[in-house]
Amino acid sequence: MAVVNAGIDEKLCDYLSRSLKDTLYYQLLGLELVRLGPGLSEFEVVTAEKHCNPLGLVHGGLIISLADAVMGNAVRSLGITGVTVDLSASVITSVPLGSKLRGTGKVVRAGKNMIFAEAEIWCDDRIVSDARGTLFNRGPINYK
């Protein structure tokens, strides 16, 4: 799947697309980058049995990991290396096995040291989770 560049530096978009494809944790979960824009990111994942908890429901950890990924990469779309220091999420409803989750993240405010972001996770036309995160600014991404 080709990543939609919604307005960031082409070299940064290419760098992020390549590095995210090589991220083993994202591979393990099946997260796929869909779109990047200035302070925005969007990922998708199709839920599978490997994502289920002992009750046979999609594990909340997948939903929270998706929220963290979209917020972190919204920060990276600004050319900033950020690490999550705080994440708060509400999981609103369960997710059926075999469904596609779509997560969108956006930067709310980027300060000198701390960056604030939000995420929404959707399944079809239902919101599944909303999250807020604080990320520490570790400096610029060296991608050129």
Protein backbone atom coordinates (compact mmCIF):
# COMPACT_ATOMS: atom_id res chain seq x y z
CA MET A 1 0.00 0.00 0.00
CA ALA A 2 1.37 3.39 -0.98
CA VAL A 3 1.50 6.01 1.74
CA VAL A 4 -0.41 9.22 1.01
CA ASN A 5 1.79 12.26 1.56
CA ALA A 6 -0.58 15.00 2.67
CA GLY A 7 1.95 17.83 2.65
CA ILE A 8 5.21 16.94 4.42
CA ASP A 9 8.73 17.01 3.00
CA GLU A 10 9.00 14.20 0.43
CA LYS A 11 12.31 12.94 1.83
CA LEU A 12 10.87 12.81 5.35
CA CYS A 13 7.79 10.95 4.09
CA ASP A 14 9.98 8.40 2.27
CA TYR A 15 12.23 7.99 5.32
CA LEU A 16 9.29 7.47 7.68
CA SER A 17 7.56 5.07 5.29
CA ARG A 18 10.69 2.91 5.01
CA SER A 19 11.55 2.97 8.70
CA LEU A 20 7.99 2.10 9.75
CA LYS A 21 7.88 -0.88 7.38
CA ASP A 22 11.05 -2.14 9.08
CA THR A 23 9.73 -1.64 12.63
CA LEU A 24 9.40 -5.15 14.04
CA TYR A 25 6.71 -4.24 16.57
CA TYR A 26 4.54 -2.75 13.82
CA GLN A 27 5.13 -5.88 11.74
CA LEU A 28 4.15 -8.09 14.69
CA LEU A 29 0.87 -6.22 15.12
CA GLY A 30 0.23 -5.76 11.38
CA LEU A 31 0.12 -1.95 11.55
CA GLU A 32 0.23 -0.26 8.15
CA LEU A 33 0.95 3.41 7.57
CA VAL A 34 -1.72 4.99 5.35
CA ARG A 35 -1.18 8.76 5.44
CA LEU A 36 1.18 11.42 6.77
CA GLY A 37 0.59 15.16 6.91
CA PRO A 38 2.05 18.00 8.97
CA GLY A 39 1.35 16.90 12.53
CA LEU A 40 -0.92 14.07 11.33
CA SER A 41 -0.66 10.33 10.81
CA GLU A 42 -3.05 7.52 9.95
CA PHE A 43 -2.55 3.76 10.30
CA GLU A 44 -4.72 0.72 9.70
CA VAL A 45 -4.72 -2.84 10.99
CA VAL A 46 -6.98 -5.78 10.20
CA THR A 47 -7.73 -7.67 13.40
CA ALA A 48 -6.81 -11.35 13.52
CA GLU A 49 -6.77 -14.17 16.06
CA LYS A 50 -3.28 -13.12 17.14
CA HIS A 51 -4.84 -9.87 18.42
CA CYS A 52 -7.36 -11.59 20.72
CA ASN A 53 -7.41 -11.92 24.48
CA PRO A 54 -8.43 -15.16 26.26
CA LEU A 55 -12.10 -14.17 25.88
CA GLY A 56 -11.77 -14.18 22.08
CA LEU A 57 -12.15 -10.40 21.87
CA VAL A 58 -9.67 -8.03 20.25
CA HIS A 59 -7.21 -7.12 23.01
CA GLY A 60 -7.22 -3.53 24.25
CA GLY A 61 -3.43 -3.54 23.95
CA LEU A 62 -3.75 -3.52 20.15
CA ILE A 63 -6.03 -0.50 20.33
CA ILE A 64 -3.68 1.36 22.69
CA SER A 65 -0.62 0.43 20.60
CA LEU A 66 -2.37 1.81 17.52
CA ALA A 67 -3.18 5.04 19.40
CA ASP A 68 0.45 5.37 20.52
CA ALA A 69 1.69 4.72 16.97
CA VAL A 70 -0.51 7.36 15.36
CA MET A 71 0.36 9.99 17.97
CA GLY A 72 4.08 9.23 17.83
CA ASN A 73 4.17 9.37 14.06
CA ALA A 74 2.13 12.56 13.95
CA VAL A 75 5.04 14.02 15.93
CA ARG A 76 7.59 12.40 13.60
CA SER A 77 5.79 13.94 10.61
CA LEU A 78 7.05 17.30 11.95
CA GLY A 79 10.64 16.03 11.75
CA ILE A 80 10.80 15.56 15.53
CA THR A 81 11.90 12.46 17.42
CA GLY A 82 9.42 12.12 20.27
CA VAL A 83 8.99 9.44 22.92
CA THR A 84 5.77 8.86 24.82
CA VAL A 85 5.95 9.80 28.49
CA ASP A 86 2.24 9.70 29.24
CA LEU A 87 -0.75 8.15 27.49
CA SER A 88 -4.37 8.14 28.57
CA ALA A 89 -7.05 6.32 26.60
CA SER A 90 -10.68 5.33 26.78
CA VAL A 91 -11.78 2.16 25.02
CA ILE A 92 -15.43 2.77 24.22
CA THR A 93 -16.54 -0.49 22.61
CA SER A 94 -15.28 -3.91 21.62
CA VAL A 95 -13.93 -4.69 18.17
CA PRO A 96 -15.08 -7.68 16.11
CA LEU A 97 -12.43 -10.14 14.96
CA GLY A 98 -11.57 -9.63 11.27
CA SER A 99 -12.51 -5.96 11.24
CA LYS A 100 -10.30 -3.10 10.09
CA LEU A 101 -9.21 -0.53 12.64
CA ARG A 102 -8.21 2.93 11.45
CA GLY A 103 -6.28 5.19 13.78
CA THR A 104 -5.66 8.88 13.28
CA GLY A 105 -3.29 10.96 15.34
CA LYS A 106 -2.64 14.68 15.46
CA VAL A 107 -0.30 17.02 17.26
CA VAL A 108 -2.24 19.48 19.40
CA ARG A 109 0.72 21.52 20.59
CA ALA A 110 4.46 21.16 20.08
CA GLY A 111 6.45 22.93 22.75
CA LYS A 112 10.21 23.09 23.19
CA ASN A 113 10.37 19.94 25.35
CA MET A 114 6.88 18.49 25.50
CA ILE A 115 4.49 17.67 22.67
CA PHE A 116 0.78 17.01 23.17
CA ALA A 117 -1.14 14.76 20.80
CA GLU A 118 -4.54 13.14 20.38
CA ALA A 119 -5.71 9.95 18.70
CA GLU A 120 -8.97 8.42 17.58
CA ILE A 121 -9.41 4.76 16.70
CA TRP A 122 -12.31 3.83 14.44
CA CYS A 123 -13.90 0.58 13.26
CA ASP A 124 -16.10 1.29 10.26
CA ASP A 125 -18.27 4.23 11.34
CA ARG A 126 -17.90 3.62 15.10
CA ILE A 127 -15.33 5.27 17.32
CA VAL A 128 -13.59 2.59 19.37
CA SER A 129 -11.16 4.66 21.42
CA ASP A 130 -9.89 8.16 22.00
CA ALA A 131 -6.53 8.91 23.54
CA ARG A 132 -4.29 11.74 24.62
CA GLY A 133 -0.54 11.59 24.88
CA THR A 134 2.42 13.62 26.01
CA LEU A 135 5.69 13.04 24.21
CA PHE A 136 9.17 14.26 25.08
CA ASN A 137 11.02 16.05 22.27
CA ARG A 138 14.35 14.24 21.74
CA GLY A 139 15.35 16.50 18.85
CA PRO A 140 15.15 16.49 15.09
CA ILE A 141 15.03 13.37 12.95
CA ASN A 142 18.18 12.96 10.86
CA TYR A 143 16.65 11.86 7.54
CA LYS A 144 18.49 13.83 4.85
